[in-house]
């Protein structure tokens, strides 16, 4: 009986390891279903950073979303979600205007309604960017 219990435990561990390897393999080999499409970009006064407004589209089963990120001036817009603001709707209809007030403050012309998925008031740890909404 002791042998059977040890065998079941070992088979369970083996199955867990194989399952984990398979999940990691699938995660890193299958293409991402989402894509980002640049709508507008606005550079900071010192041209070291930029704010990008973009559409994130994750396929037919999801709606359009308009997203806003702060990036370095020469940093490519990767296939990631926005880091400042995410709102439902296509950018042609809901994209906010963005303005740099100075090198560390941006103003986003979008009234917060609670329908946002993300609405940060600051970004970064070093050289923090303050985010104001109007």
C-alpha atoms as a PDB file:
ATOM      1  CA  UNK A   1       0.000   0.000   0.000  1.00  0.00           C
ATOM      2  CA  UNK A   2       2.878   2.361   0.833  1.00  0.00           C
ATOM      3  CA  UNK A   3       4.315   1.730  -2.641  1.00  0.00           C
ATOM      4  CA  UNK A   4       1.034   2.752  -4.320  1.00  0.00           C
ATOM      5  CA  UNK A   5       0.860   6.036  -2.385  1.00  0.00           C
ATOM      6  CA  UNK A   6       4.458   6.896  -3.320  1.00  0.00           C
ATOM      7  CA  UNK A   7       3.720   6.055  -6.949  1.00  0.00           C
ATOM      8  CA  UNK A   8       0.620   8.266  -7.006  1.00  0.00           C
ATOM      9  CA  UNK A   9       2.548  11.171  -5.422  1.00  0.00           C
ATOM     10  CA  UNK A  10       5.398  10.807  -7.944  1.00  0.00           C
ATOM     11  CA  UNK A  11       2.972  10.637 -10.858  1.00  0.00           C
ATOM     12  CA  UNK A  12       1.224  13.755  -9.543  1.00  0.00           C
ATOM     13  CA  UNK A  13       4.501  15.651  -9.292  1.00  0.00           C
ATOM     14  CA  UNK A  14       5.510  14.482 -12.766  1.00  0.00           C
ATOM     15  CA  UNK A  15       2.157  15.590 -14.217  1.00  0.00           C
ATOM     16  CA  UNK A  16       2.496  18.981 -12.487  1.00  0.00           C
ATOM     17  CA  UNK A  17       5.988  19.531 -13.910  1.00  0.00           C
ATOM     18  CA  UNK A  18       4.905  18.527 -17.424  1.00  0.00           C
ATOM     19  CA  UNK A  19       1.832  20.794 -17.208  1.00  0.00           C
ATOM     20  CA  UNK A  20       3.951  23.746 -16.056  1.00  0.00           C
ATOM     21  CA  UNK A  21       6.457  23.244 -18.871  1.00  0.00           C
ATOM     22  CA  UNK A  22       3.612  23.074 -21.405  1.00  0.00           C
ATOM     23  CA  UNK A  23       1.953  26.255 -20.106  1.00  0.00           C
ATOM     24  CA  UNK A  24       5.259  28.171 -20.186  1.00  0.00           C
ATOM     25  CA  UNK A  25       5.960  26.888 -23.711  1.00  0.00           C
ATOM     26  CA  UNK A  26       2.502  27.981 -24.941  1.00  0.00           C
ATOM     27  CA  UNK A  27       2.865  31.415 -23.294  1.00  0.00           C
ATOM     28  CA  UNK A  28       6.201  32.151 -24.954  1.00  0.00           C
ATOM     29  CA  UNK A  29       5.581  30.620 -28.395  1.00  0.00           C
ATOM     30  CA  UNK A  30       2.053  31.633 -29.372  1.00  0.00           C
ATOM     31  CA  UNK A  31       1.701  35.104 -30.899  1.00  0.00           C
ATOM     32  CA  UNK A  32      -0.024  37.835 -28.919  1.00  0.00           C
ATOM     33  CA  UNK A  33      -3.569  38.425 -30.140  1.00  0.00           C
ATOM     34  CA  UNK A  34      -3.384  42.150 -29.344  1.00  0.00           C
ATOM     35  CA  UNK A  35      -1.925  44.948 -31.418  1.00  0.00           C
ATOM     36  CA  UNK A  36      -1.242  48.635 -30.824  1.00  0.00           C
ATOM     37  CA  UNK A  37      -1.852  51.325 -33.446  1.00  0.00           C
ATOM     38  CA  UNK A  38      -0.449  54.812 -32.882  1.00  0.00           C
ATOM     39  CA  UNK A  39      -3.008  57.613 -32.979  1.00  0.00           C
ATOM     40  CA  UNK A  40      -1.042  60.680 -31.792  1.00  0.00           C
ATOM     41  CA  UNK A  41       2.167  61.496 -29.977  1.00  0.00           C
ATOM     42  CA  UNK A  42       3.217  64.638 -28.125  1.00  0.00           C
ATOM     43  CA  UNK A  43       6.814  65.338 -27.079  1.00  0.00           C
ATOM     44  CA  UNK A  44       7.814  66.972 -23.803  1.00  0.00           C
ATOM     45  CA  UNK A  45       9.298  70.491 -23.996  1.00  0.00           C
ATOM     46  CA  UNK A  46      12.829  69.100 -23.536  1.00  0.00           C
ATOM     47  CA  UNK A  47      12.106  66.327 -26.119  1.00  0.00           C
ATOM     48  CA  UNK A  48      13.237  63.593 -23.708  1.00  0.00           C
ATOM     49  CA  UNK A  49       9.806  61.986 -23.335  1.00  0.00           C
ATOM     50  CA  UNK A  50       6.592  61.663 -25.242  1.00  0.00           C
ATOM     51  CA  UNK A  51       2.972  60.817 -24.568  1.00  0.00           C
ATOM     52  CA  UNK A  52       1.405  58.441 -27.055  1.00  0.00           C
ATOM     53  CA  UNK A  53      -2.311  57.945 -27.587  1.00  0.00           C
ATOM     54  CA  UNK A  54      -3.002  54.646 -29.307  1.00  0.00           C
ATOM     55  CA  UNK A  55      -5.632  52.084 -30.119  1.00  0.00           C
ATOM     56  CA  UNK A  56      -5.231  48.645 -28.566  1.00  0.00           C
ATOM     57  CA  UNK A  57      -7.098  45.948 -30.439  1.00  0.00           C
ATOM     58  CA  UNK A  58      -7.228  42.395 -29.081  1.00  0.00           C
ATOM     59  CA  UNK A  59      -9.346  40.748 -31.741  1.00  0.00           C
ATOM     60  CA  UNK A  60     -12.953  40.319 -32.684  1.00  0.00           C
ATOM     61  CA  UNK A  61     -14.151  39.260 -29.247  1.00  0.00           C
ATOM     62  CA  UNK A  62     -13.143  42.536 -27.583  1.00  0.00           C
ATOM     63  CA  UNK A  63     -14.079  46.132 -28.232  1.00  0.00           C
ATOM     64  CA  UNK A  64     -11.730  48.945 -29.148  1.00  0.00           C
ATOM     65  CA  UNK A  65      -9.877  50.755 -26.407  1.00  0.00           C
ATOM     66  CA  UNK A  66      -7.992  54.018 -26.451  1.00  0.00           C
ATOM     67  CA  UNK A  67      -4.883  54.036 -24.322  1.00  0.00           C
ATOM     68  CA  UNK A  68      -2.284  56.579 -23.220  1.00  0.00           C
ATOM     69  CA  UNK A  69       1.341  55.923 -22.251  1.00  0.00           C
ATOM     70  CA  UNK A  70       4.365  57.960 -21.278  1.00  0.00           C
ATOM     71  CA  UNK A  71       7.483  56.737 -23.078  1.00  0.00           C
ATOM     72  CA  UNK A  72      11.025  57.885 -23.622  1.00  0.00           C
ATOM     73  CA  UNK A  73      11.386  59.987 -26.771  1.00  0.00           C
ATOM     74  CA  UNK A  74      13.170  57.187 -28.625  1.00  0.00           C
ATOM     75  CA  UNK A  75      11.366  54.226 -27.030  1.00  0.00           C
ATOM     76  CA  UNK A  76       9.269  52.146 -29.419  1.00  0.00           C
ATOM     77  CA  UNK A  77       5.587  51.618 -28.632  1.00  0.00           C
ATOM     78  CA  UNK A  78       5.594  47.949 -27.681  1.00  0.00           C
ATOM     79  CA  UNK A  79       2.657  45.575 -27.675  1.00  0.00           C
ATOM     80  CA  UNK A  80       1.727  46.474 -24.081  1.00  0.00           C
ATOM     81  CA  UNK A  81      -1.222  48.168 -22.419  1.00  0.00           C
ATOM     82  CA  UNK A  82      -1.205  51.879 -21.695  1.00  0.00           C
ATOM     83  CA  UNK A  83       0.495  52.997 -18.494  1.00  0.00           C
ATOM     84  CA  UNK A  84      -1.522  56.184 -17.830  1.00  0.00           C
ATOM     85  CA  UNK A  85      -5.082  55.960 -19.158  1.00  0.00           C
ATOM     86  CA  UNK A  86      -7.258  53.244 -20.702  1.00  0.00           C
ATOM     87  CA  UNK A  87     -10.756  54.102 -21.880  1.00  0.00           C
ATOM     88  CA  UNK A  88     -13.299  52.162 -23.938  1.00  0.00           C
ATOM     89  CA  UNK A  89     -13.885  53.222 -27.515  1.00  0.00           C
ATOM     90  CA  UNK A  90     -12.029  53.869 -30.755  1.00  0.00           C
ATOM     91  CA  UNK A  91      -9.501  56.740 -30.730  1.00  0.00           C
ATOM     92  CA  UNK A  92     -11.262  58.451 -33.642  1.00  0.00           C
ATOM     93  CA  UNK A  93     -14.227  58.926 -31.309  1.00  0.00           C
ATOM     94  CA  UNK A  94     -12.838  59.188 -27.758  1.00  0.00           C
ATOM     95  CA  UNK A  95      -9.113  60.014 -27.919  1.00  0.00           C
ATOM     96  CA  UNK A  96      -8.230  62.729 -25.419  1.00  0.00           C
ATOM     97  CA  UNK A  97      -6.003  65.660 -26.284  1.00  0.00           C
ATOM     98  CA  UNK A  98      -2.758  65.674 -24.327  1.00  0.00           C
ATOM     99  CA  UNK A  99      -0.602  68.669 -23.476  1.00  0.00           C
ATOM    100  CA  UNK A 100       2.727  68.953 -21.670  1.00  0.00           C
ATOM    101  CA  UNK A 101       2.551  71.741 -19.077  1.00  0.00           C
ATOM    102  CA  UNK A 102       6.272  71.362 -18.359  1.00  0.00           C
ATOM    103  CA  UNK A 103       8.831  68.532 -18.477  1.00  0.00           C
ATOM    104  CA  UNK A 104       7.234  66.738 -15.539  1.00  0.00           C
ATOM    105  CA  UNK A 105       3.507  67.452 -15.901  1.00  0.00           C
ATOM    106  CA  UNK A 106       0.971  66.431 -18.516  1.00  0.00           C
ATOM    107  CA  UNK A 107      -2.636  67.455 -18.845  1.00  0.00           C
ATOM    108  CA  UNK A 108      -5.109  65.031 -20.376  1.00  0.00           C
ATOM    109  CA  UNK A 109      -8.328  66.559 -21.606  1.00  0.00           C
ATOM    110  CA  UNK A 110     -10.689  63.809 -20.537  1.00  0.00           C
ATOM    111  CA  UNK A 111     -13.285  64.063 -17.804  1.00  0.00           C
ATOM    112  CA  UNK A 112     -12.988  61.012 -15.540  1.00  0.00           C
ATOM    113  CA  UNK A 113     -16.347  59.232 -15.392  1.00  0.00           C
ATOM    114  CA  UNK A 114     -15.507  55.923 -13.751  1.00  0.00           C
ATOM    115  CA  UNK A 115     -15.733  54.059 -17.071  1.00  0.00           C
ATOM    116  CA  UNK A 116     -11.943  54.120 -17.377  1.00  0.00           C
ATOM    117  CA  UNK A 117     -10.021  50.899 -16.906  1.00  0.00           C
ATOM    118  CA  UNK A 118      -6.979  52.816 -15.681  1.00  0.00           C
ATOM    119  CA  UNK A 119      -6.506  56.497 -14.790  1.00  0.00           C
ATOM    120  CA  UNK A 120      -3.163  57.195 -13.136  1.00  0.00           C
ATOM    121  CA  UNK A 121      -2.324  60.565 -11.570  1.00  0.00           C
ATOM    122  CA  UNK A 122       1.428  60.035 -11.772  1.00  0.00           C
ATOM    123  CA  UNK A 123       3.927  57.891 -13.624  1.00  0.00           C
ATOM    124  CA  UNK A 124       7.404  56.688 -12.732  1.00  0.00           C
ATOM    125  CA  UNK A 125       9.539  56.542  -9.606  1.00  0.00           C
ATOM    126  CA  UNK A 126      12.515  58.642 -10.631  1.00  0.00           C
ATOM    127  CA  UNK A 127      11.712  61.842 -12.537  1.00  0.00           C
ATOM    128  CA  UNK A 128       8.031  61.295 -11.803  1.00  0.00           C
ATOM    129  CA  UNK A 129       5.459  62.659 -14.251  1.00  0.00           C
ATOM    130  CA  UNK A 130       2.344  64.248 -12.744  1.00  0.00           C
ATOM    131  CA  UNK A 131      -0.885  63.634 -14.658  1.00  0.00           C
ATOM    132  CA  UNK A 132      -3.761  66.127 -14.495  1.00  0.00           C
ATOM    133  CA  UNK A 133      -7.202  65.630 -16.007  1.00  0.00           C
ATOM    134  CA  UNK A 134      -9.586  68.281 -17.250  1.00  0.00           C
END
